[in-house]
Amino acid sequence: MLLPMFPAYYIFNSLLCLLLALHIVWTWLILQLVYNSISAGKMEGDIRSSSSDMSDSPPSANHSNQHTPHRSTGKKDA
């Protein structure tokens, strides 16, 4: 004996089709983003600093030679 189709069947199927459509749209958007980021090119180096800038700076500007004080944590040493 076959069961008759009930109205919730159409609701479930329409929601599943909507979910499938959302998956397809999001997949397309993600693939488009990946393609654009790959095809845009890569940076040729770190734009923040270069080795020539470090050698041109005076030794007093070099932060590695300076002693940095320790931060206090608010606790007193016992």
C-alpha atoms as a PDB file:
ATOM      1  CA  MET A   1       0.000   0.000   0.000  1.00  0.00           C
ATOM      2  CA  LEU A   2       1.414   3.371  -0.992  1.00  0.00           C
ATOM      3  CA  LEU A   3       0.989   6.339   1.218  1.00  0.00           C
ATOM      4  CA  PRO A   4      -0.621   9.417  -0.286  1.00  0.00           C
ATOM      5  CA  MET A   5       1.574  12.490  -0.564  1.00  0.00           C
ATOM      6  CA  PHE A   6       0.963  14.963   2.201  1.00  0.00           C
ATOM      7  CA  PRO A   7       1.397  18.753   1.949  1.00  0.00           C
ATOM      8  CA  ALA A   8       4.609  18.820   4.010  1.00  0.00           C
ATOM      9  CA  TYR A   9       6.272  16.822   1.196  1.00  0.00           C
ATOM     10  CA  TYR A  10       6.133  19.885  -1.046  1.00  0.00           C
ATOM     11  CA  ILE A  11       7.462  22.128   1.709  1.00  0.00           C
ATOM     12  CA  PHE A  12      10.401  19.787   2.419  1.00  0.00           C
ATOM     13  CA  ASN A  13      11.240  19.422  -1.267  1.00  0.00           C
ATOM     14  CA  SER A  14      11.093  23.163  -1.876  1.00  0.00           C
ATOM     15  CA  LEU A  15      13.365  23.821   1.117  1.00  0.00           C
ATOM     16  CA  LEU A  16      15.824  21.178  -0.112  1.00  0.00           C
ATOM     17  CA  CYS A  17      15.839  22.754  -3.571  1.00  0.00           C
ATOM     18  CA  LEU A  18      16.432  26.165  -1.995  1.00  0.00           C
ATOM     19  CA  LEU A  19      19.327  24.722   0.009  1.00  0.00           C
ATOM     20  CA  LEU A  20      20.817  23.243  -3.149  1.00  0.00           C
ATOM     21  CA  ALA A  21      20.538  26.594  -4.910  1.00  0.00           C
ATOM     22  CA  LEU A  22      22.260  28.326  -1.989  1.00  0.00           C
ATOM     23  CA  HIS A  23      25.080  25.769  -2.089  1.00  0.00           C
ATOM     24  CA  ILE A  24      25.563  26.389  -5.791  1.00  0.00           C
ATOM     25  CA  VAL A  25      25.599  30.185  -5.349  1.00  0.00           C
ATOM     26  CA  TRP A  26      28.039  30.116  -2.428  1.00  0.00           C
ATOM     27  CA  THR A  27      30.315  27.664  -4.237  1.00  0.00           C
ATOM     28  CA  TRP A  28      30.337  29.938  -7.294  1.00  0.00           C
ATOM     29  CA  LEU A  29      31.161  32.986  -5.159  1.00  0.00           C
ATOM     30  CA  ILE A  30      33.973  31.186  -3.323  1.00  0.00           C
ATOM     31  CA  LEU A  31      35.484  29.875  -6.560  1.00  0.00           C
ATOM     32  CA  GLN A  32      35.261  33.343  -8.102  1.00  0.00           C
ATOM     33  CA  LEU A  33      37.041  34.827  -5.077  1.00  0.00           C
ATOM     34  CA  VAL A  34      39.799  32.216  -5.267  1.00  0.00           C
ATOM     35  CA  TYR A  35      40.262  32.759  -8.994  1.00  0.00           C
ATOM     36  CA  ASN A  36      40.435  36.547  -8.594  1.00  0.00           C
ATOM     37  CA  SER A  37      42.966  36.315  -5.763  1.00  0.00           C
ATOM     38  CA  ILE A  38      45.181  33.942  -7.751  1.00  0.00           C
ATOM     39  CA  SER A  39      44.951  35.880 -11.012  1.00  0.00           C
ATOM     40  CA  ALA A  40      45.572  39.254  -9.309  1.00  0.00           C
ATOM     41  CA  GLY A  41      49.242  38.395  -8.901  1.00  0.00           C
ATOM     42  CA  LYS A  42      51.495  38.029  -5.968  1.00  0.00           C
ATOM     43  CA  MET A  43      53.438  40.611  -4.033  1.00  0.00           C
ATOM     44  CA  GLU A  44      57.113  40.712  -4.919  1.00  0.00           C
ATOM     45  CA  GLY A  45      58.142  41.028  -1.298  1.00  0.00           C
ATOM     46  CA  ASP A  46      57.265  42.409   2.051  1.00  0.00           C
ATOM     47  CA  ILE A  47      56.135  45.989   1.494  1.00  0.00           C
ATOM     48  CA  ARG A  48      56.611  46.916   5.146  1.00  0.00           C
ATOM     49  CA  SER A  49      60.389  46.899   5.120  1.00  0.00           C
ATOM     50  CA  SER A  50      63.368  45.936   3.045  1.00  0.00           C
ATOM     51  CA  SER A  51      66.966  45.083   3.784  1.00  0.00           C
ATOM     52  CA  SER A  52      68.185  48.355   2.223  1.00  0.00           C
ATOM     53  CA  ASP A  53      66.077  50.377   4.658  1.00  0.00           C
ATOM     54  CA  MET A  54      67.583  48.599   7.623  1.00  0.00           C
ATOM     55  CA  SER A  55      71.171  49.256   6.528  1.00  0.00           C
ATOM     56  CA  ASP A  56      70.480  52.957   5.843  1.00  0.00           C
ATOM     57  CA  SER A  57      68.972  53.656   9.252  1.00  0.00           C
ATOM     58  CA  PRO A  58      71.203  54.988  12.037  1.00  0.00           C
ATOM     59  CA  PRO A  59      72.134  52.525  14.797  1.00  0.00           C
ATOM     60  CA  SER A  60      70.092  54.453  17.384  1.00  0.00           C
ATOM     61  CA  ALA A  61      66.920  53.744  15.391  1.00  0.00           C
ATOM     62  CA  ASN A  62      67.536  50.017  15.499  1.00  0.00           C
ATOM     63  CA  HIS A  63      65.173  48.673  18.152  1.00  0.00           C
ATOM     64  CA  SER A  64      67.099  45.454  18.716  1.00  0.00           C
ATOM     65  CA  ASN A  65      69.968  47.324  20.423  1.00  0.00           C
ATOM     66  CA  GLN A  66      67.720  49.117  22.882  1.00  0.00           C
ATOM     67  CA  HIS A  67      66.738  47.571  26.178  1.00  0.00           C
ATOM     68  CA  THR A  68      62.998  47.350  26.570  1.00  0.00           C
ATOM     69  CA  PRO A  69      61.665  47.563  30.130  1.00  0.00           C
ATOM     70  CA  HIS A  70      59.516  44.744  31.384  1.00  0.00           C
ATOM     71  CA  ARG A  71      55.821  45.376  31.739  1.00  0.00           C
ATOM     72  CA  SER A  72      54.462  45.256  35.206  1.00  0.00           C
ATOM     73  CA  THR A  73      51.662  42.810  35.693  1.00  0.00           C
ATOM     74  CA  GLY A  74      50.364  44.515  38.786  1.00  0.00           C
ATOM     75  CA  LYS A  75      51.629  41.717  41.037  1.00  0.00           C
ATOM     76  CA  LYS A  76      54.423  42.346  43.486  1.00  0.00           C
ATOM     77  CA  ASP A  77      57.341  39.946  43.572  1.00  0.00           C
ATOM     78  CA  ALA A  78      57.576  38.047  46.828  1.00  0.00           C
END
